[in-house]
Amino acid sequence: MDNKEAIEILKMSMDSPFERDLLLGKAVNLAIKALEEKEPEFEIWKPENGEKVWFVGGYGAVDYTYYDLGLAFSYAQGDIFQTEAEAIFEKEKQAIVFRYKNLTKLSWGGEKEIWDGKMRHHYPLRYIGAKKIQTDYTLNRNIGNVYFKTEQSLQDAIAEIGEDNIKKYILEV
């Protein structure tokens, strides 16, 4: 938005419903225009043929190779990384997420969590800001969440994995 448009909006009176609607319409149009003109804040990296890339091998070793079309499927799955640090992060994350999901199954006696329509409490891991993890129950199921049977089993998982690892690798905050 340029200064001329901003001054015009500021001068408008909001005494009548028509003027309020006109002002709101102009503000919305300017906001849309600003969003359309905004440059993307990031680019999606795609390796070039022959570029050095990193990956986590089958035995957990972080290694590099040079990209070619034979690795296109691995790239599409998110298994190819631009830097060694990204590959190391992913290796650590996979280990933490694997342990976390196994702890959820253990909390249900080795079975999958029970969603049978009965009013059962389920305990998901949530981040509520100010670097605080919330562990209260829910009766609703959200796609992508994993649920513990009891709050104590969730608290035990947090203690075992570590709150910092939970925030870094599971909640990604």
Protein backbone atom coordinates (compact mmCIF):
# COMPACT_ATOMS: atom_id res chain seq x y z
CA MET A 1 0.00 0.00 0.00
CA ASP A 2 1.39 3.40 -0.89
CA ASN A 3 1.04 6.55 1.22
CA LYS A 4 -1.67 8.04 -1.00
CA GLU A 5 -3.94 5.01 -0.48
CA ALA A 6 -3.31 4.99 3.27
CA ILE A 7 -4.11 8.71 3.61
CA GLU A 8 -7.34 8.24 1.61
CA ILE A 9 -8.47 5.47 3.95
CA LEU A 10 -7.58 7.47 7.06
CA LYS A 11 -9.60 10.48 5.82
CA MET A 12 -12.74 8.42 5.31
CA SER A 13 -15.50 8.83 7.84
CA MET A 14 -17.13 5.77 9.34
CA ASP A 15 -20.43 7.47 10.16
CA SER A 16 -22.63 5.47 7.81
CA PRO A 17 -22.86 1.73 7.12
CA PHE A 18 -22.02 2.47 3.48
CA GLU A 19 -18.78 4.24 4.47
CA ARG A 20 -17.85 1.44 6.89
CA ASP A 21 -18.43 -1.19 4.17
CA LEU A 22 -16.47 0.87 1.65
CA LEU A 23 -13.60 1.27 4.11
CA LEU A 24 -13.63 -2.43 4.96
CA GLY A 25 -13.69 -3.35 1.26
CA LYS A 26 -10.72 -1.08 0.52
CA ALA A 27 -8.78 -2.47 3.48
CA VAL A 28 -9.43 -6.06 2.40
CA ASN A 29 -8.42 -5.31 -1.20
CA LEU A 30 -5.21 -3.62 -0.05
CA ALA A 31 -4.38 -6.56 2.24
CA ILE A 32 -4.92 -9.02 -0.62
CA LYS A 33 -2.78 -6.90 -2.92
CA ALA A 34 0.00 -6.77 -0.31
CA LEU A 35 -0.09 -10.55 0.13
CA GLU A 36 0.04 -11.12 -3.63
CA GLU A 37 3.06 -8.83 -3.97
CA LYS A 38 4.93 -10.32 -1.04
CA GLU A 39 7.97 -12.37 -1.96
CA PRO A 40 8.08 -15.93 -0.63
CA GLU A 41 10.16 -16.15 2.55
CA PHE A 42 11.81 -19.41 1.59
CA GLU A 43 12.60 -21.54 -1.40
CA ILE A 44 12.19 -25.27 -1.58
CA TRP A 45 15.59 -26.79 -2.16
CA LYS A 46 15.89 -29.26 -5.00
CA PRO A 47 19.32 -30.74 -5.67
CA GLU A 48 20.98 -30.33 -9.04
CA ASN A 49 22.43 -33.30 -10.90
CA GLY A 50 25.93 -33.93 -9.51
CA GLU A 51 25.36 -31.87 -6.33
CA LYS A 52 26.69 -33.27 -3.06
CA VAL A 53 23.76 -34.43 -0.90
CA TRP A 54 23.45 -36.08 2.51
CA PHE A 55 21.34 -39.01 3.71
CA VAL A 56 20.84 -41.34 6.67
CA GLY A 57 21.88 -44.85 5.68
CA GLY A 58 20.19 -48.12 6.58
CA TYR A 59 22.32 -48.61 9.70
CA GLY A 60 21.90 -45.03 10.88
CA ALA A 61 25.15 -43.69 9.47
CA VAL A 62 25.04 -40.18 8.02
CA ASP A 63 26.79 -40.15 4.67
CA TYR A 64 26.92 -38.20 1.42
CA THR A 65 26.71 -38.95 -2.26
CA TYR A 66 26.23 -36.98 -5.45
CA TYR A 67 22.70 -36.46 -6.66
CA ASP A 68 21.44 -38.05 -9.85
CA LEU A 69 17.99 -39.01 -11.11
CA GLY A 70 18.31 -42.40 -9.41
CA LEU A 71 17.85 -40.54 -6.10
CA ALA A 72 14.71 -38.67 -7.19
CA PHE A 73 12.42 -41.00 -5.25
CA SER A 74 14.53 -40.64 -2.09
CA TYR A 75 14.41 -36.85 -2.50
CA ALA A 76 10.62 -36.94 -2.96
CA GLN A 77 10.28 -38.93 0.29
CA GLY A 78 12.38 -36.41 2.19
CA ASP A 79 15.37 -38.72 2.60
CA ILE A 80 17.93 -36.44 0.90
CA PHE A 81 19.36 -33.41 2.70
CA GLN A 82 21.29 -30.36 1.64
CA THR A 83 23.67 -30.35 4.61
CA GLU A 84 25.22 -32.85 6.97
CA ALA A 85 23.61 -31.02 9.91
CA GLU A 86 20.12 -31.56 8.42
CA ALA A 87 20.83 -35.29 7.98
CA ILE A 88 22.09 -35.58 11.58
CA PHE A 89 18.99 -33.77 12.84
CA GLU A 90 16.75 -36.18 10.89
CA LYS A 91 18.62 -39.21 12.24
CA GLU A 92 18.17 -37.98 15.82
CA LYS A 93 14.52 -37.10 15.16
CA GLN A 94 13.73 -40.55 13.77
CA ALA A 95 15.13 -42.22 16.90
CA ILE A 96 13.15 -39.94 19.25
CA VAL A 97 9.88 -40.28 17.29
CA PHE A 98 10.27 -44.08 17.14
CA ARG A 99 10.75 -44.26 20.92
CA TYR A 100 7.85 -41.86 21.55
CA LYS A 101 5.43 -43.89 19.41
CA ASN A 102 6.50 -47.11 21.10
CA LEU A 103 5.86 -45.55 24.51
CA THR A 104 2.32 -44.64 23.41
CA LYS A 105 1.70 -48.27 22.43
CA LEU A 106 3.11 -49.48 25.74
CA SER A 107 0.73 -47.17 27.59
CA TRP A 108 -2.15 -49.05 25.93
CA GLY A 109 -0.71 -52.45 26.85
CA GLY A 110 1.05 -52.90 23.52
CA GLU A 111 -2.12 -52.30 21.53
CA LYS A 112 -3.30 -49.34 19.46
CA GLU A 113 -5.21 -46.67 21.38
CA ILE A 114 -8.91 -47.36 21.85
CA TRP A 115 -11.45 -45.11 20.10
CA ASP A 116 -14.74 -46.95 20.51
CA GLY A 117 -17.17 -44.07 21.01
CA LYS A 118 -17.14 -44.39 24.78
CA MET A 119 -16.15 -41.36 26.80
CA ARG A 120 -12.54 -42.28 27.46
CA HIS A 121 -9.82 -39.80 28.27
CA HIS A 122 -6.84 -39.77 25.93
CA TYR A 123 -3.68 -37.82 26.62
CA PRO A 124 -1.97 -36.13 23.66
CA LEU A 125 1.17 -34.07 23.82
CA ARG A 126 0.51 -30.38 23.15
CA TYR A 127 2.58 -27.23 23.09
CA ILE A 128 0.74 -24.21 24.45
CA GLY A 129 3.37 -21.52 24.07
CA ALA A 130 5.86 -19.94 26.42
CA LYS A 131 7.85 -23.17 26.05
CA LYS A 132 5.24 -25.10 28.05
CA ILE A 133 4.04 -28.62 27.31
CA GLN A 134 0.41 -29.38 28.12
CA THR A 135 -0.58 -32.90 29.15
CA ASP A 136 -4.29 -32.70 29.93
CA TYR A 137 -6.81 -35.09 28.41
CA THR A 138 -9.07 -34.87 25.40
CA LEU A 139 -12.15 -36.76 24.28
CA ASN A 140 -11.62 -35.81 20.64
CA ARG A 141 -9.30 -37.42 18.14
CA ASN A 142 -7.14 -35.28 15.87
CA ILE A 143 -5.45 -36.75 12.83
CA GLY A 144 -1.71 -36.96 13.33
CA ASN A 145 -1.74 -36.98 17.13
CA VAL A 146 -0.72 -39.97 19.18
CA TYR A 147 -2.41 -40.54 22.51
CA PHE A 148 -1.36 -42.03 25.83
CA LYS A 149 -3.81 -43.96 27.97
CA THR A 150 -3.00 -42.06 31.17
CA GLU A 151 -1.51 -38.73 32.04
CA GLN A 152 1.10 -40.55 34.13
CA SER A 153 2.25 -42.62 31.13
CA LEU A 154 2.60 -39.39 29.12
CA GLN A 155 4.54 -37.75 31.96
CA ASP A 156 6.80 -40.82 32.15
CA ALA A 157 7.45 -40.61 28.39
CA ILE A 158 8.38 -36.93 28.69
CA ALA A 159 10.76 -37.78 31.55
CA GLU A 160 12.34 -40.67 29.62
CA ILE A 161 12.76 -38.85 26.31
CA GLY A 162 13.49 -35.47 27.87
CA GLU A 163 11.45 -32.30 27.60
CA ASP A 164 14.04 -30.60 25.38
CA ASN A 165 14.01 -33.55 22.94
CA ILE A 166 10.19 -33.54 22.94
CA LYS A 167 10.15 -29.86 22.03
CA LYS A 168 12.92 -30.14 19.44
CA TYR A 169 11.99 -33.35 17.62
CA ILE A 170 8.30 -34.03 18.27
CA LEU A 171 6.72 -30.61 18.68
CA GLU A 172 9.42 -28.88 16.58
CA VAL A 173 9.36 -25.67 18.59
